Amino acid sequence: MSGFDQFEKAVALWVLGQVPSDDLPAVAIDGLVKGLDSPLLRQLSAKPSTAQPELHTMFSKALIELGISEPSLETAMRFIATSYAQQV
């Protein structure tokens, strides 16, 4: 799975409520390492990895800055299922 696919997987898991706020700074760092860049993604990457509900809002706004649409629940579930099936 490519780096961008890993970020997409994190977005899908986030939509499904499977990414706690304290994991979002690491997701942002991963996105930056993979070549994604936006002011909010950089800010999020600098946040401490502690539970902060406002990080979910920041991540959502970072996705908008990046031009990445939040997938629907159905699309997110399909992406995760396909990702897991490819690992088998």
N, C-alpha and C. Protein backbone atom coordinates (compact mmCIF):
# COMPACT_ATOMS: atom_id res chain seq x y z
N MET A 1 0.86 -1.18 0.00
CA MET A 1 0.00 0.00 0.00
C MET A 1 0.90 1.23 0.00
N SER A 2 0.63 2.17 -0.89
CA SER A 2 1.46 3.37 -0.98
C SER A 2 1.20 4.28 0.21
N GLY A 3 2.09 5.27 0.35
CA GLY A 3 1.95 6.22 1.44
C GLY A 3 0.64 6.97 1.42
N PHE A 4 0.24 7.40 0.20
CA PHE A 4 -1.02 8.12 0.11
C PHE A 4 -2.18 7.20 0.45
N ASP A 5 -2.11 5.93 0.04
CA ASP A 5 -3.16 4.98 0.40
C ASP A 5 -3.26 4.83 1.91
N GLN A 6 -2.12 4.88 2.60
CA GLN A 6 -2.13 4.80 4.06
C GLN A 6 -2.87 6.00 4.65
N PHE A 7 -2.64 7.18 4.07
CA PHE A 7 -3.34 8.37 4.54
C PHE A 7 -4.83 8.24 4.26
N GLU A 8 -5.17 7.74 3.06
CA GLU A 8 -6.58 7.52 2.73
C GLU A 8 -7.21 6.53 3.70
N LYS A 9 -6.46 5.50 4.06
CA LYS A 9 -6.97 4.52 5.02
C LYS A 9 -7.22 5.19 6.37
N ALA A 10 -6.31 6.06 6.79
CA ALA A 10 -6.50 6.78 8.06
C ALA A 10 -7.74 7.66 7.98
N VAL A 11 -7.96 8.31 6.83
CA VAL A 11 -9.16 9.14 6.66
C VAL A 11 -10.41 8.28 6.75
N ALA A 12 -10.40 7.13 6.09
CA ALA A 12 -11.56 6.23 6.13
C ALA A 12 -11.82 5.76 7.55
N LEU A 13 -10.78 5.36 8.26
CA LEU A 13 -10.95 4.93 9.65
C LEU A 13 -11.45 6.08 10.52
N TRP A 14 -10.98 7.29 10.25
CA TRP A 14 -11.42 8.46 11.00
C TRP A 14 -12.91 8.69 10.79
N VAL A 15 -13.37 8.59 9.53
CA VAL A 15 -14.80 8.75 9.23
C VAL A 15 -15.62 7.72 9.99
N LEU A 16 -15.05 6.53 10.16
CA LEU A 16 -15.75 5.46 10.87
C LEU A 16 -15.62 5.59 12.39
N GLY A 17 -14.97 6.64 12.85
CA GLY A 17 -14.82 6.86 14.28
C GLY A 17 -13.76 5.98 14.93
N GLN A 18 -12.83 5.49 14.14
CA GLN A 18 -11.83 4.56 14.65
C GLN A 18 -10.46 5.20 14.88
N VAL A 19 -10.37 6.52 14.74
CA VAL A 19 -9.12 7.22 14.98
C VAL A 19 -9.35 8.22 16.12
N PRO A 20 -8.79 7.93 17.29
CA PRO A 20 -8.96 8.86 18.40
C PRO A 20 -8.17 10.15 18.16
N SER A 21 -8.58 11.21 18.81
CA SER A 21 -7.95 12.51 18.59
C SER A 21 -6.45 12.48 18.88
N ASP A 22 -6.02 11.67 19.83
CA ASP A 22 -4.59 11.65 20.15
C ASP A 22 -3.74 10.98 19.06
N ASP A 23 -4.37 10.31 18.09
CA ASP A 23 -3.65 9.74 16.95
C ASP A 23 -3.55 10.70 15.76
N LEU A 24 -4.36 11.76 15.77
CA LEU A 24 -4.42 12.65 14.61
C LEU A 24 -3.12 13.40 14.33
N PRO A 25 -2.34 13.84 15.35
CA PRO A 25 -1.05 14.46 15.02
C PRO A 25 -0.13 13.51 14.24
N ALA A 26 -0.11 12.24 14.58
CA ALA A 26 0.71 11.28 13.85
C ALA A 26 0.19 11.08 12.42
N VAL A 27 -1.12 11.08 12.25
CA VAL A 27 -1.71 10.98 10.91
C VAL A 27 -1.29 12.19 10.08
N ALA A 28 -1.32 13.37 10.70
CA ALA A 28 -0.91 14.60 10.00
C ALA A 28 0.56 14.53 9.61
N ILE A 29 1.40 14.06 10.51
CA ILE A 29 2.83 13.92 10.19
C ILE A 29 3.01 12.96 9.03
N ASP A 30 2.29 11.85 9.05
CA ASP A 30 2.38 10.88 7.96
C ASP A 30 1.98 11.52 6.63
N GLY A 31 0.93 12.32 6.65
CA GLY A 31 0.49 13.01 5.44
C GLY A 31 1.56 13.97 4.92
N LEU A 32 2.17 14.70 5.83
CA LEU A 32 3.23 15.63 5.44
C LEU A 32 4.42 14.89 4.84
N VAL A 33 4.79 13.78 5.46
CA VAL A 33 5.91 12.97 4.96
C VAL A 33 5.61 12.45 3.56
N LYS A 34 4.36 12.15 3.30
CA LYS A 34 3.95 11.61 2.00
C LYS A 34 3.76 12.69 0.94
N GLY A 35 3.98 13.96 1.31
CA GLY A 35 3.92 15.04 0.33
C GLY A 35 2.67 15.89 0.37
N LEU A 36 1.74 15.58 1.27
CA LEU A 36 0.56 16.43 1.42
C LEU A 36 0.96 17.64 2.25
N ASP A 37 0.35 18.79 1.99
CA ASP A 37 0.73 19.98 2.75
C ASP A 37 -0.42 20.97 2.78
N SER A 38 -0.68 21.47 3.97
CA SER A 38 -1.63 22.55 4.16
C SER A 38 -1.29 23.19 5.50
N PRO A 39 -1.67 24.45 5.68
CA PRO A 39 -1.38 25.11 6.96
C PRO A 39 -1.94 24.35 8.17
N LEU A 40 -3.18 23.89 8.08
CA LEU A 40 -3.77 23.18 9.22
C LEU A 40 -3.15 21.80 9.44
N LEU A 41 -2.73 21.14 8.36
CA LEU A 41 -2.07 19.85 8.52
C LEU A 41 -0.76 20.04 9.27
N ARG A 42 -0.03 21.12 8.94
CA ARG A 42 1.22 21.42 9.66
C ARG A 42 0.94 21.74 11.12
N GLN A 43 -0.09 22.54 11.37
CA GLN A 43 -0.44 22.88 12.75
C GLN A 43 -0.83 21.63 13.54
N LEU A 44 -1.62 20.78 12.92
CA LEU A 44 -2.06 19.55 13.58
C LEU A 44 -0.88 18.64 13.90
N SER A 45 0.10 18.59 13.00
CA SER A 45 1.26 17.73 13.22
C SER A 45 2.08 18.18 14.42
N ALA A 46 1.96 19.46 14.78
CA ALA A 46 2.73 20.00 15.91
C ALA A 46 2.01 19.88 17.25
N LYS A 47 0.77 19.43 17.22
CA LYS A 47 0.00 19.28 18.47
C LYS A 47 0.49 18.09 19.27
N PRO A 48 0.37 18.16 20.59
CA PRO A 48 0.74 16.99 21.40
C PRO A 48 -0.26 15.85 21.18
N SER A 49 0.22 14.64 21.32
CA SER A 49 -0.63 13.46 21.13
C SER A 49 -1.40 13.16 22.40
N THR A 50 -2.32 14.04 22.71
CA THR A 50 -3.20 13.86 23.86
C THR A 50 -4.63 14.02 23.38
N ALA A 51 -5.55 13.47 24.13
CA ALA A 51 -6.96 13.53 23.75
C ALA A 51 -7.44 14.98 23.76
N GLN A 52 -7.74 15.49 22.58
CA GLN A 52 -8.25 16.86 22.42
C GLN A 52 -9.33 16.81 21.34
N PRO A 53 -10.59 16.85 21.73
CA PRO A 53 -11.68 16.74 20.76
C PRO A 53 -11.58 17.74 19.60
N GLU A 54 -11.01 18.93 19.83
CA GLU A 54 -10.92 19.94 18.77
C GLU A 54 -9.99 19.51 17.63
N LEU A 55 -9.17 18.49 17.86
CA LEU A 55 -8.29 18.00 16.80
C LEU A 55 -9.09 17.37 15.67
N HIS A 56 -10.25 16.82 15.98
CA HIS A 56 -11.10 16.25 14.93
C HIS A 56 -11.58 17.36 13.98
N THR A 57 -11.95 18.49 14.54
CA THR A 57 -12.38 19.63 13.72
C THR A 57 -11.21 20.13 12.88
N MET A 58 -10.05 20.22 13.50
CA MET A 58 -8.86 20.68 12.78
C MET A 58 -8.53 19.73 11.63
N PHE A 59 -8.64 18.42 11.86
CA PHE A 59 -8.36 17.44 10.81
C PHE A 59 -9.36 17.58 9.67
N SER A 60 -10.62 17.75 10.00
CA SER A 60 -11.66 17.93 8.98
C SER A 60 -11.36 19.16 8.12
N LYS A 61 -10.97 20.25 8.75
CA LYS A 61 -10.65 21.48 8.01
C LYS A 61 -9.37 21.30 7.20
N ALA A 62 -8.41 20.54 7.71
CA ALA A 62 -7.18 20.26 6.95
C ALA A 62 -7.51 19.49 5.68
N LEU A 63 -8.44 18.53 5.78
CA LEU A 63 -8.85 17.79 4.59
C LEU A 63 -9.45 18.72 3.54
N ILE A 64 -10.24 19.68 3.99
CA ILE A 64 -10.83 20.65 3.07
C ILE A 64 -9.72 21.46 2.40
N GLU A 65 -8.73 21.92 3.19
CA GLU A 65 -7.60 22.65 2.60
C GLU A 65 -6.86 21.82 1.56
N LEU A 66 -6.77 20.52 1.81
CA LEU A 66 -6.07 19.63 0.90
C LEU A 66 -6.91 19.25 -0.33
N GLY A 67 -8.19 19.61 -0.30
CA GLY A 67 -9.07 19.24 -1.40
C GLY A 67 -9.50 17.79 -1.34
N ILE A 68 -9.43 17.21 -0.15
CA ILE A 68 -9.83 15.80 0.04
C ILE A 68 -11.21 15.78 0.67
N SER A 69 -12.15 15.18 -0.03
CA SER A 69 -13.51 15.06 0.49
C SER A 69 -13.60 13.93 1.51
N GLU A 70 -14.33 14.18 2.57
CA GLU A 70 -14.57 13.10 3.54
C GLU A 70 -15.45 12.07 2.86
N PRO A 71 -15.03 10.80 2.86
CA PRO A 71 -15.87 9.78 2.23
C PRO A 71 -17.13 9.53 3.06
N SER A 72 -18.16 9.03 2.38
CA SER A 72 -19.36 8.62 3.10
C SER A 72 -19.02 7.41 3.96
N LEU A 73 -19.90 7.08 4.89
CA LEU A 73 -19.67 5.89 5.72
C LEU A 73 -19.55 4.64 4.85
N GLU A 74 -20.40 4.53 3.85
CA GLU A 74 -20.37 3.36 2.97
C GLU A 74 -19.04 3.28 2.20
N THR A 75 -18.61 4.40 1.67
CA THR A 75 -17.35 4.43 0.92
C THR A 75 -16.18 4.11 1.85
N ALA A 76 -16.19 4.65 3.05
CA ALA A 76 -15.12 4.38 4.01
C ALA A 76 -15.08 2.89 4.37
N MET A 77 -16.26 2.31 4.61
CA MET A 77 -16.30 0.87 4.94
C MET A 77 -15.79 0.04 3.77
N ARG A 78 -16.17 0.40 2.56
CA ARG A 78 -15.72 -0.33 1.37
C ARG A 78 -14.19 -0.21 1.22
N PHE A 79 -13.65 0.98 1.44
CA PHE A 79 -12.21 1.18 1.33
C PHE A 79 -11.46 0.31 2.35
N ILE A 80 -11.94 0.30 3.59
CA ILE A 80 -11.28 -0.48 4.63
C ILE A 80 -11.40 -1.97 4.33
N ALA A 81 -12.57 -2.42 3.91
CA ALA A 81 -12.75 -3.83 3.57
C ALA A 81 -11.81 -4.24 2.44
N THR A 82 -11.71 -3.40 1.43
CA THR A 82 -10.81 -3.70 0.30
C THR A 82 -9.35 -3.72 0.77
N SER A 83 -9.01 -2.78 1.61
CA SER A 83 -7.65 -2.71 2.14
C SER A 83 -7.28 -3.99 2.90
N TYR A 84 -8.20 -4.44 3.75
CA TYR A 84 -7.94 -5.67 4.51
C TYR A 84 -7.92 -6.89 3.60
N ALA A 85 -8.80 -6.92 2.60
CA ALA A 85 -8.82 -8.07 1.67
C ALA A 85 -7.52 -8.16 0.88
N GLN A 86 -6.93 -7.04 0.53
CA GLN A 86 -5.67 -7.04 -0.22
C GLN A 86 -4.51 -7.54 0.63
N GLN A 87 -4.65 -7.48 1.94
CA GLN A 87 -3.59 -7.94 2.83
C GLN A 87 -3.58 -9.46 2.98
N VAL A 88 -4.69 -10.09 2.62
CA VAL A 88 -4.81 -11.55 2.79
C VAL A 88 -4.08 -12.28 1.68
